[in-house]
Each structure stands twice: as C-alpha cells, then as structure tokens.
N, C-alpha and C. Protein backbone atom coordinates (compact mmCIF):
# COMPACT_ATOMS: atom_id res chain seq x y z
N MET A 1 -58.49 -13.78 40.60
CA MET A 1 -57.48 -12.80 40.80
C MET A 1 -56.82 -12.44 39.49
N GLU A 2 -56.81 -11.23 39.30
CA GLU A 2 -56.26 -10.71 38.05
C GLU A 2 -54.78 -10.42 38.22
N LYS A 3 -54.01 -10.88 37.22
CA LYS A 3 -52.55 -10.65 37.28
C LYS A 3 -52.24 -9.29 36.70
N LYS A 4 -51.42 -8.61 37.39
CA LYS A 4 -50.98 -7.31 36.90
C LYS A 4 -49.78 -7.54 35.98
N PRO A 5 -49.82 -6.85 34.86
CA PRO A 5 -48.65 -7.01 33.98
C PRO A 5 -47.40 -6.48 34.67
N GLU A 6 -46.34 -7.23 34.44
CA GLU A 6 -45.07 -6.82 35.05
C GLU A 6 -44.52 -5.62 34.31
N LYS A 7 -44.05 -4.73 35.07
CA LYS A 7 -43.44 -3.54 34.46
C LYS A 7 -41.97 -3.81 34.20
N LYS A 8 -41.60 -3.48 33.02
CA LYS A 8 -40.18 -3.63 32.68
C LYS A 8 -39.47 -2.37 33.13
N VAL A 9 -38.51 -2.58 33.89
CA VAL A 9 -37.77 -1.45 34.41
C VAL A 9 -36.50 -1.30 33.58
N LYS A 10 -36.37 -0.13 33.04
CA LYS A 10 -35.15 0.16 32.27
C LYS A 10 -34.16 0.81 33.21
N LYS A 11 -33.00 0.26 33.19
CA LYS A 11 -31.95 0.89 33.98
C LYS A 11 -31.07 1.67 33.03
N GLU A 12 -30.92 2.87 33.33
CA GLU A 12 -30.03 3.68 32.52
C GLU A 12 -28.64 3.62 33.12
N VAL A 13 -27.73 3.26 32.26
CA VAL A 13 -26.34 3.20 32.72
C VAL A 13 -25.61 4.36 32.08
N LYS A 14 -25.12 5.16 32.93
CA LYS A 14 -24.37 6.30 32.42
C LYS A 14 -22.90 5.94 32.41
N ILE A 15 -22.29 6.14 31.27
CA ILE A 15 -20.85 5.88 31.15
C ILE A 15 -20.14 7.18 31.43
N LYS A 16 -19.39 7.11 32.46
CA LYS A 16 -18.62 8.31 32.79
C LYS A 16 -17.32 8.27 32.03
N LYS A 17 -17.07 9.33 31.37
CA LYS A 17 -15.86 9.43 30.57
C LYS A 17 -14.96 10.46 31.21
N LYS A 18 -13.74 10.06 31.36
CA LYS A 18 -12.79 11.04 31.87
C LYS A 18 -12.49 12.00 30.74
N THR A 19 -12.75 13.21 30.96
CA THR A 19 -12.52 14.20 29.92
C THR A 19 -11.37 15.11 30.31
N LYS A 20 -10.69 15.50 29.29
CA LYS A 20 -9.64 16.49 29.48
C LYS A 20 -10.33 17.85 29.47
N PRO A 21 -9.75 18.81 30.10
CA PRO A 21 -10.41 20.12 30.18
C PRO A 21 -10.78 20.70 28.82
N GLU A 22 -9.96 20.44 27.80
CA GLU A 22 -10.23 21.05 26.50
C GLU A 22 -11.26 20.28 25.69
N GLU A 23 -11.62 19.05 26.12
CA GLU A 23 -12.57 18.25 25.36
C GLU A 23 -14.00 18.71 25.63
N SER A 24 -14.79 18.51 24.65
CA SER A 24 -16.20 18.86 24.79
C SER A 24 -16.90 17.76 25.57
N LYS A 25 -17.84 18.13 26.44
CA LYS A 25 -18.56 17.15 27.24
C LYS A 25 -19.66 16.49 26.44
N SER A 26 -19.92 16.98 25.24
CA SER A 26 -20.99 16.41 24.44
C SER A 26 -20.54 15.19 23.64
N GLU A 27 -19.23 14.91 23.57
CA GLU A 27 -18.75 13.76 22.82
C GLU A 27 -19.01 12.48 23.58
N THR A 28 -19.46 11.49 22.86
CA THR A 28 -19.68 10.18 23.46
C THR A 28 -18.53 9.28 23.03
N PRO A 29 -18.38 8.13 23.66
CA PRO A 29 -17.31 7.22 23.24
C PRO A 29 -17.44 6.82 21.78
N ALA A 30 -18.65 6.71 21.28
CA ALA A 30 -18.85 6.37 19.87
C ALA A 30 -18.31 7.47 18.97
N ASP A 31 -18.58 8.74 19.36
CA ASP A 31 -18.05 9.87 18.60
C ASP A 31 -16.54 9.86 18.59
N GLU A 32 -15.96 9.52 19.73
CA GLU A 32 -14.51 9.50 19.84
C GLU A 32 -13.90 8.42 18.94
N SER A 33 -14.51 7.26 18.90
CA SER A 33 -13.97 6.19 18.05
C SER A 33 -14.11 6.54 16.57
N VAL A 34 -15.20 7.21 16.23
CA VAL A 34 -15.38 7.66 14.84
C VAL A 34 -14.29 8.69 14.49
N MET A 35 -14.04 9.59 15.41
CA MET A 35 -13.01 10.61 15.17
C MET A 35 -11.63 9.96 15.04
N ASP A 36 -11.35 8.97 15.88
CA ASP A 36 -10.07 8.26 15.79
C ASP A 36 -9.93 7.55 14.45
N GLU A 37 -11.01 6.94 14.02
CA GLU A 37 -11.00 6.24 12.73
C GLU A 37 -10.78 7.22 11.58
N LEU A 38 -11.46 8.37 11.64
CA LEU A 38 -11.27 9.39 10.60
C LEU A 38 -9.84 9.92 10.60
N GLU A 39 -9.29 10.11 11.78
CA GLU A 39 -7.90 10.58 11.89
C GLU A 39 -6.94 9.56 11.29
N GLN A 40 -7.17 8.28 11.56
CA GLN A 40 -6.32 7.24 10.99
C GLN A 40 -6.42 7.20 9.47
N LYS A 41 -7.64 7.33 8.96
CA LYS A 41 -7.83 7.35 7.50
C LYS A 41 -7.15 8.57 6.88
N TYR A 42 -7.25 9.69 7.56
CA TYR A 42 -6.61 10.92 7.08
C TYR A 42 -5.09 10.75 7.03
N GLN A 43 -4.52 10.21 8.11
CA GLN A 43 -3.08 10.00 8.15
C GLN A 43 -2.63 9.01 7.08
N GLN A 44 -3.40 7.96 6.86
CA GLN A 44 -3.07 6.98 5.81
C GLN A 44 -3.13 7.64 4.44
N ARG A 45 -4.12 8.48 4.24
CA ARG A 45 -4.26 9.19 2.95
C ARG A 45 -3.04 10.10 2.71
N LEU A 46 -2.59 10.78 3.75
CA LEU A 46 -1.39 11.62 3.63
C LEU A 46 -0.17 10.78 3.28
N ARG A 47 -0.03 9.61 3.90
CA ARG A 47 1.10 8.72 3.59
C ARG A 47 1.02 8.24 2.14
N ASP A 48 -0.19 7.90 1.68
CA ASP A 48 -0.37 7.45 0.29
C ASP A 48 0.00 8.55 -0.70
N ILE A 49 -0.43 9.77 -0.43
CA ILE A 49 -0.11 10.90 -1.31
C ILE A 49 1.40 11.14 -1.33
N ASP A 50 2.03 11.09 -0.17
CA ASP A 50 3.48 11.27 -0.09
C ASP A 50 4.20 10.20 -0.88
N GLN A 51 3.75 8.97 -0.77
CA GLN A 51 4.38 7.86 -1.51
C GLN A 51 4.21 8.05 -3.02
N LYS A 52 3.03 8.48 -3.46
CA LYS A 52 2.79 8.71 -4.88
C LYS A 52 3.68 9.83 -5.42
N MET A 53 3.84 10.89 -4.62
CA MET A 53 4.69 12.00 -5.05
C MET A 53 6.14 11.55 -5.17
N ARG A 54 6.61 10.75 -4.23
CA ARG A 54 7.98 10.23 -4.31
C ARG A 54 8.16 9.34 -5.52
N LEU A 55 7.16 8.52 -5.82
CA LEU A 55 7.22 7.64 -6.98
C LEU A 55 7.26 8.46 -8.27
N GLN A 56 6.42 9.49 -8.36
CA GLN A 56 6.44 10.35 -9.54
C GLN A 56 7.79 11.04 -9.70
N GLU A 57 8.37 11.46 -8.59
CA GLU A 57 9.69 12.09 -8.63
C GLU A 57 10.73 11.10 -9.13
N LEU A 58 10.63 9.85 -8.71
CA LEU A 58 11.57 8.83 -9.16
C LEU A 58 11.41 8.53 -10.64
N LEU A 59 10.17 8.58 -11.11
CA LEU A 59 9.90 8.26 -12.51
C LEU A 59 10.20 9.42 -13.46
N GLN A 60 10.27 10.62 -12.94
CA GLN A 60 10.51 11.79 -13.78
C GLN A 60 11.92 11.73 -14.37
N VAL A 61 12.01 11.96 -15.66
CA VAL A 61 13.31 12.00 -16.31
C VAL A 61 13.45 13.30 -17.10
N ASN A 62 14.69 13.73 -17.24
CA ASN A 62 14.97 14.97 -17.96
C ASN A 62 15.80 14.67 -19.20
N PRO A 63 15.58 15.41 -20.26
CA PRO A 63 16.45 15.28 -21.43
C PRO A 63 17.71 16.14 -21.24
N ILE A 64 18.75 15.79 -21.94
CA ILE A 64 19.95 16.63 -21.93
C ILE A 64 19.67 17.83 -22.83
N THR A 65 19.83 19.02 -22.30
CA THR A 65 19.59 20.24 -23.08
C THR A 65 20.80 21.15 -22.99
N LEU A 66 20.89 22.10 -23.90
CA LEU A 66 21.98 23.08 -23.83
C LEU A 66 21.90 23.90 -22.54
N GLN A 67 20.67 24.22 -22.12
CA GLN A 67 20.50 24.97 -20.88
C GLN A 67 21.05 24.19 -19.69
N MET A 68 20.80 22.88 -19.68
CA MET A 68 21.30 22.03 -18.60
C MET A 68 22.83 22.00 -18.63
N ILE A 69 23.39 21.82 -19.79
CA ILE A 69 24.85 21.78 -19.92
C ILE A 69 25.44 23.13 -19.51
N HIS A 70 24.81 24.21 -19.94
CA HIS A 70 25.27 25.55 -19.56
C HIS A 70 25.23 25.72 -18.05
N LYS A 71 24.13 25.31 -17.44
CA LYS A 71 23.95 25.48 -16.00
C LYS A 71 24.96 24.66 -15.19
N TYR A 72 25.15 23.40 -15.53
CA TYR A 72 25.96 22.52 -14.70
C TYR A 72 27.44 22.45 -15.10
N CYS A 73 27.75 22.81 -16.33
CA CYS A 73 29.13 22.63 -16.79
C CYS A 73 29.83 23.94 -17.13
N PHE A 74 29.10 24.82 -17.74
CA PHE A 74 29.73 26.02 -18.28
C PHE A 74 29.63 27.20 -17.33
N ALA A 75 28.46 27.43 -16.79
CA ALA A 75 28.23 28.59 -15.93
C ALA A 75 28.41 28.27 -14.45
N ARG A 76 28.86 27.08 -14.13
CA ARG A 76 29.12 26.66 -12.75
C ARG A 76 27.89 26.89 -11.86
N GLY A 77 26.73 26.50 -12.38
CA GLY A 77 25.51 26.58 -11.58
C GLY A 77 24.79 27.92 -11.68
N GLN A 78 25.33 28.88 -12.41
CA GLN A 78 24.64 30.17 -12.56
C GLN A 78 23.45 29.99 -13.50
N PRO A 79 22.29 30.55 -13.16
CA PRO A 79 21.13 30.38 -14.03
C PRO A 79 21.30 31.10 -15.37
N VAL A 80 20.67 30.53 -16.37
CA VAL A 80 20.68 31.15 -17.69
C VAL A 80 19.64 32.25 -17.68
N GLU A 81 20.06 33.48 -17.92
CA GLU A 81 19.14 34.62 -17.86
C GLU A 81 18.09 34.52 -18.96
N GLY A 82 16.84 34.65 -18.56
CA GLY A 82 15.74 34.62 -19.51
C GLY A 82 15.55 33.27 -20.17
N GLY A 83 16.25 32.22 -19.71
CA GLY A 83 16.12 30.90 -20.28
C GLY A 83 16.82 30.74 -21.62
N LYS A 84 17.57 31.78 -22.05
CA LYS A 84 18.25 31.73 -23.34
C LYS A 84 19.75 31.83 -23.15
N ILE A 85 20.47 31.16 -24.01
CA ILE A 85 21.93 31.21 -23.99
C ILE A 85 22.37 32.14 -25.11
N ASP A 86 23.24 33.10 -24.78
CA ASP A 86 23.69 34.02 -25.83
C ASP A 86 24.61 33.27 -26.80
N ASP A 87 24.81 33.85 -27.98
CA ASP A 87 25.61 33.21 -29.04
C ASP A 87 27.04 32.92 -28.61
N ASP A 88 27.63 33.85 -27.86
CA ASP A 88 29.01 33.66 -27.41
C ASP A 88 29.13 32.44 -26.50
N SER A 89 28.19 32.31 -25.57
CA SER A 89 28.19 31.15 -24.67
C SER A 89 27.93 29.86 -25.43
N ALA A 90 27.01 29.89 -26.37
CA ALA A 90 26.69 28.70 -27.16
C ALA A 90 27.91 28.23 -27.96
N ASN A 91 28.66 29.18 -28.51
CA ASN A 91 29.86 28.81 -29.27
C ASN A 91 30.92 28.19 -28.36
N LYS A 92 31.02 28.68 -27.13
CA LYS A 92 31.99 28.13 -26.19
C LYS A 92 31.56 26.76 -25.67
N ILE A 93 30.26 26.59 -25.47
CA ILE A 93 29.75 25.33 -24.93
C ILE A 93 30.09 24.15 -25.84
N ILE A 94 29.96 24.34 -27.13
CA ILE A 94 30.17 23.19 -28.04
C ILE A 94 31.63 22.73 -28.07
N TYR A 95 32.54 23.52 -27.52
CA TYR A 95 33.95 23.13 -27.48
C TYR A 95 34.34 22.54 -26.11
N LEU A 96 33.36 22.30 -25.26
CA LEU A 96 33.66 21.70 -23.96
C LEU A 96 34.34 20.34 -24.15
N LYS A 97 35.32 20.06 -23.31
CA LYS A 97 35.98 18.76 -23.34
C LYS A 97 35.43 17.85 -22.25
N THR A 98 34.79 18.44 -21.24
CA THR A 98 34.21 17.66 -20.15
C THR A 98 32.80 18.15 -19.87
N ILE A 99 31.89 17.21 -19.77
CA ILE A 99 30.51 17.51 -19.38
C ILE A 99 30.18 16.65 -18.17
N ARG A 100 29.72 17.31 -17.11
CA ARG A 100 29.34 16.62 -15.87
C ARG A 100 27.85 16.84 -15.62
N LEU A 101 27.09 15.77 -15.78
CA LEU A 101 25.64 15.83 -15.57
C LEU A 101 25.17 14.66 -14.70
N GLY A 102 25.81 14.50 -13.58
CA GLY A 102 25.40 13.45 -12.65
C GLY A 102 24.28 13.93 -11.76
N PHE A 103 23.44 12.98 -11.33
CA PHE A 103 22.37 13.25 -10.35
C PHE A 103 21.32 14.26 -10.84
N VAL A 104 21.01 14.28 -12.13
CA VAL A 104 20.00 15.23 -12.62
C VAL A 104 18.84 14.54 -13.35
N ASN A 105 18.63 13.27 -13.06
CA ASN A 105 17.48 12.50 -13.59
C ASN A 105 17.43 12.44 -15.11
N ILE A 106 18.55 12.27 -15.74
CA ILE A 106 18.57 12.12 -17.20
C ILE A 106 18.08 10.72 -17.54
N GLY A 107 17.16 10.65 -18.50
CA GLY A 107 16.56 9.37 -18.88
C GLY A 107 17.26 8.68 -20.03
N GLU A 108 17.92 9.45 -20.89
CA GLU A 108 18.64 8.85 -22.02
C GLU A 108 19.75 9.79 -22.48
N ILE A 109 20.74 9.18 -23.10
CA ILE A 109 21.85 9.97 -23.65
C ILE A 109 21.39 10.49 -25.01
N SER A 110 21.28 11.80 -25.12
CA SER A 110 20.81 12.40 -26.38
C SER A 110 21.30 13.84 -26.46
N ASN A 111 21.15 14.41 -27.64
CA ASN A 111 21.46 15.83 -27.88
C ASN A 111 22.93 16.18 -27.65
N LEU A 112 23.82 15.23 -27.87
CA LEU A 112 25.25 15.50 -27.70
C LEU A 112 26.00 15.51 -29.03
N ASP A 113 25.27 15.56 -30.13
CA ASP A 113 25.87 15.53 -31.47
C ASP A 113 26.82 16.70 -31.72
N LEU A 114 26.53 17.86 -31.15
CA LEU A 114 27.36 19.05 -31.38
C LEU A 114 28.71 18.99 -30.66
N PHE A 115 28.85 18.09 -29.72
CA PHE A 115 30.03 18.06 -28.86
C PHE A 115 31.08 17.08 -29.37
N ASP A 116 31.61 17.36 -30.54
CA ASP A 116 32.60 16.43 -31.11
C ASP A 116 33.98 16.59 -30.48
N HIS A 117 34.18 17.59 -29.63
CA HIS A 117 35.45 17.76 -28.90
C HIS A 117 35.41 17.08 -27.53
N LEU A 118 34.28 16.54 -27.19
CA LEU A 118 34.05 15.96 -25.87
C LEU A 118 34.99 14.79 -25.60
N GLN A 119 35.71 14.87 -24.47
CA GLN A 119 36.63 13.79 -24.08
C GLN A 119 36.15 13.04 -22.84
N SER A 120 35.48 13.73 -21.92
CA SER A 120 34.99 13.11 -20.69
C SER A 120 33.52 13.43 -20.49
N LEU A 121 32.75 12.38 -20.24
CA LEU A 121 31.32 12.55 -20.04
C LEU A 121 30.92 11.83 -18.75
N PHE A 122 30.41 12.60 -17.80
CA PHE A 122 29.99 12.08 -16.51
C PHE A 122 28.46 12.11 -16.45
N LEU A 123 27.85 10.94 -16.49
CA LEU A 123 26.39 10.83 -16.41
C LEU A 123 26.00 9.85 -15.31
N GLU A 124 26.73 9.87 -14.21
CA GLU A 124 26.48 8.93 -13.12
C GLU A 124 25.21 9.27 -12.35
N SER A 125 24.61 8.23 -11.78
CA SER A 125 23.43 8.36 -10.91
C SER A 125 22.28 9.10 -11.58
N ASN A 126 21.92 8.62 -12.75
CA ASN A 126 20.76 9.12 -13.47
C ASN A 126 19.79 7.96 -13.69
N LYS A 127 18.98 8.03 -14.72
CA LYS A 127 17.99 6.99 -15.01
C LYS A 127 18.15 6.45 -16.42
N ILE A 128 19.39 6.34 -16.85
CA ILE A 128 19.71 5.90 -18.21
C ILE A 128 19.59 4.38 -18.28
N LYS A 129 18.89 3.89 -19.32
CA LYS A 129 18.66 2.45 -19.46
C LYS A 129 19.49 1.83 -20.58
N ALA A 130 20.03 2.65 -21.48
CA ALA A 130 20.80 2.11 -22.60
C ALA A 130 21.90 3.09 -23.02
N ILE A 131 22.97 2.52 -23.53
CA ILE A 131 24.05 3.36 -24.06
C ILE A 131 23.73 3.60 -25.53
N LYS A 132 23.41 4.83 -25.84
CA LYS A 132 23.12 5.23 -27.22
C LYS A 132 23.23 6.74 -27.30
N GLY A 133 23.26 7.26 -28.50
CA GLY A 133 23.34 8.71 -28.67
C GLY A 133 24.75 9.27 -28.64
N LEU A 134 25.75 8.42 -28.74
CA LEU A 134 27.16 8.87 -28.72
C LEU A 134 27.85 8.69 -30.06
N GLU A 135 27.09 8.55 -31.11
CA GLU A 135 27.65 8.28 -32.44
C GLU A 135 28.64 9.35 -32.90
N LYS A 136 28.40 10.60 -32.57
CA LYS A 136 29.26 11.71 -33.03
C LYS A 136 30.38 12.05 -32.04
N ASN A 137 30.40 11.41 -30.90
CA ASN A 137 31.38 11.74 -29.86
C ASN A 137 32.59 10.81 -29.92
N ILE A 138 33.26 10.82 -31.07
CA ILE A 138 34.36 9.88 -31.33
C ILE A 138 35.63 10.18 -30.53
N ASN A 139 35.72 11.35 -29.92
CA ASN A 139 36.90 11.71 -29.13
C ASN A 139 36.74 11.35 -27.64
N LEU A 140 35.68 10.68 -27.31
CA LEU A 140 35.40 10.34 -25.93
C LEU A 140 36.45 9.37 -25.38
N GLU A 141 37.07 9.76 -24.27
CA GLU A 141 38.10 8.94 -23.62
C GLU A 141 37.61 8.38 -22.29
N PHE A 142 36.69 9.08 -21.65
CA PHE A 142 36.20 8.69 -20.33
C PHE A 142 34.68 8.79 -20.33
N LEU A 143 34.02 7.71 -19.93
CA LEU A 143 32.56 7.68 -19.89
C LEU A 143 32.11 7.08 -18.56
N ALA A 144 31.51 7.90 -17.71
CA ALA A 144 31.05 7.47 -16.39
C ALA A 144 29.53 7.29 -16.42
N LEU A 145 29.09 6.05 -16.32
CA LEU A 145 27.66 5.74 -16.35
C LEU A 145 27.24 4.89 -15.14
N GLN A 146 28.00 4.98 -14.05
CA GLN A 146 27.65 4.18 -12.88
C GLN A 146 26.34 4.63 -12.27
N ASN A 147 25.70 3.70 -11.55
CA ASN A 147 24.44 3.97 -10.85
C ASN A 147 23.32 4.42 -11.79
N ASN A 148 23.15 3.71 -12.87
CA ASN A 148 22.04 3.92 -13.79
C ASN A 148 21.29 2.60 -13.90
N TYR A 149 20.59 2.38 -15.00
CA TYR A 149 19.80 1.16 -15.18
C TYR A 149 20.20 0.43 -16.46
N ILE A 150 21.47 0.45 -16.79
CA ILE A 150 21.98 -0.13 -18.03
C ILE A 150 22.17 -1.63 -17.83
N LYS A 151 21.60 -2.42 -18.73
CA LYS A 151 21.69 -3.88 -18.64
C LYS A 151 22.64 -4.47 -19.68
N LYS A 152 22.87 -3.74 -20.76
CA LYS A 152 23.66 -4.29 -21.86
C LYS A 152 24.70 -3.26 -22.32
N ILE A 153 25.93 -3.75 -22.54
CA ILE A 153 26.98 -2.87 -23.08
C ILE A 153 26.86 -2.93 -24.60
N GLU A 154 26.52 -1.79 -25.18
CA GLU A 154 26.32 -1.73 -26.63
C GLU A 154 26.57 -0.31 -27.13
N ASN A 155 26.71 -0.18 -28.44
CA ASN A 155 26.86 1.11 -29.13
C ASN A 155 28.09 1.89 -28.69
N ILE A 156 29.17 1.20 -28.37
CA ILE A 156 30.42 1.90 -28.02
C ILE A 156 31.60 1.46 -28.87
N SER A 157 31.39 0.56 -29.80
CA SER A 157 32.51 0.02 -30.61
C SER A 157 33.18 1.12 -31.44
N HIS A 158 32.48 2.17 -31.78
CA HIS A 158 33.04 3.26 -32.57
C HIS A 158 33.88 4.23 -31.73
N LEU A 159 33.85 4.08 -30.41
CA LEU A 159 34.59 4.98 -29.51
C LEU A 159 36.01 4.42 -29.32
N SER A 160 36.84 4.56 -30.33
CA SER A 160 38.18 3.96 -30.33
C SER A 160 39.12 4.59 -29.31
N LYS A 161 38.87 5.81 -28.87
CA LYS A 161 39.73 6.47 -27.88
C LYS A 161 39.29 6.23 -26.44
N LEU A 162 38.19 5.52 -26.27
CA LEU A 162 37.65 5.30 -24.94
C LEU A 162 38.60 4.45 -24.11
N ALA A 163 39.14 5.05 -23.06
CA ALA A 163 40.10 4.37 -22.18
C ALA A 163 39.44 3.86 -20.90
N LEU A 164 38.38 4.53 -20.45
CA LEU A 164 37.73 4.13 -19.22
C LEU A 164 36.21 4.22 -19.37
N LEU A 165 35.57 3.12 -19.06
CA LEU A 165 34.11 3.05 -19.08
C LEU A 165 33.67 2.53 -17.70
N ASP A 166 32.96 3.36 -16.95
CA ASP A 166 32.51 2.98 -15.62
C ASP A 166 31.01 2.65 -15.68
N LEU A 167 30.72 1.37 -15.53
CA LEU A 167 29.33 0.89 -15.52
C LEU A 167 28.99 0.21 -14.19
N SER A 168 29.69 0.54 -13.16
CA SER A 168 29.43 -0.08 -11.86
C SER A 168 28.03 0.26 -11.35
N ASN A 169 27.47 -0.66 -10.61
CA ASN A 169 26.14 -0.51 -10.00
C ASN A 169 25.04 -0.24 -11.01
N ASN A 170 25.01 -1.02 -12.05
CA ASN A 170 23.94 -0.97 -13.04
C ASN A 170 23.19 -2.28 -13.02
C-alpha cells in the first residue's frame, strides 16, 4: 500500500480592520504602524528644530549701537529712517543722561565712550557676563545690571559718583 503524501492545508486568516470612512481600504495594519512611526519621528524632528531655534535665540547677543540707543532711548521706539541717524539727532544722543537698554540681548557693555554725560544706565535682563567698557562714563550715578550673567564685581572703582549698583539675580 502506497502512502499518499499529506497535503498541507494553508488557512488564510483575514484580519478585519475597522476602518473609518475616510481611510483607504488598501492599508494594512503594518502600513498603519509604519505611518504612526513616521508621524512620531516627524513630530520629534519638529520639536528638535524648535528647541534648536530657541537655543540659538538665547545665544544670540547684540552689541550696543547708536541706532539701538536712538531707537530705545531717544526716539521712543520710532525706527531710524534708512538706518541712518541725522547729525542733529547724533549730537543730541551723546548728551543723554539716561540710557535704557533692558531686555535687548546685549552681550557686553561697549560703545559708550561718547556718553560722558551719562548718569543712569539700565542694562537689566541682558546677556552681559562682565562689567567693563565704562572707563569714560565717570558721571555714572546709577547702574542697573540685574538679571545678567555677571560673576565678579570689577572695573567700577573709577566710578566715584556711583550711588546705586544693582547686580541682583546674577
């Protein structure tokens, strides 16, 4: 008696997927998991880019310029036309007694040599790491440097008129 080879019977199992009306019926569960994974990677990439942009914004520092002083102190926020300051404005700017440049991402105190009439200087909430650049500002009476990154009090011994120095939160 001859044995007949056994036939292997394949059972096809169909996985029924509940589909939403807008979904394509051609997607399989494997396709869906791949799409979910791609979506997660995409969302993570967006978060990474956002974090990098915020970090770059935090690291960006600005120098003190005449245009900045004109914009924030002299012209009360009015833009400088054509990016240039006329001679009359420039002559008035150097006689300012108060300069307010808080919250504008200044990285260092510089370019204030022309302001020998300066009595009050507000540089709070910037990114200043050291007190320097005030050698010519001998009439300074008030210096606000709170909320910066200053670790050492230095370069102020020549400021004999200085009555108030605010270094809180450094």
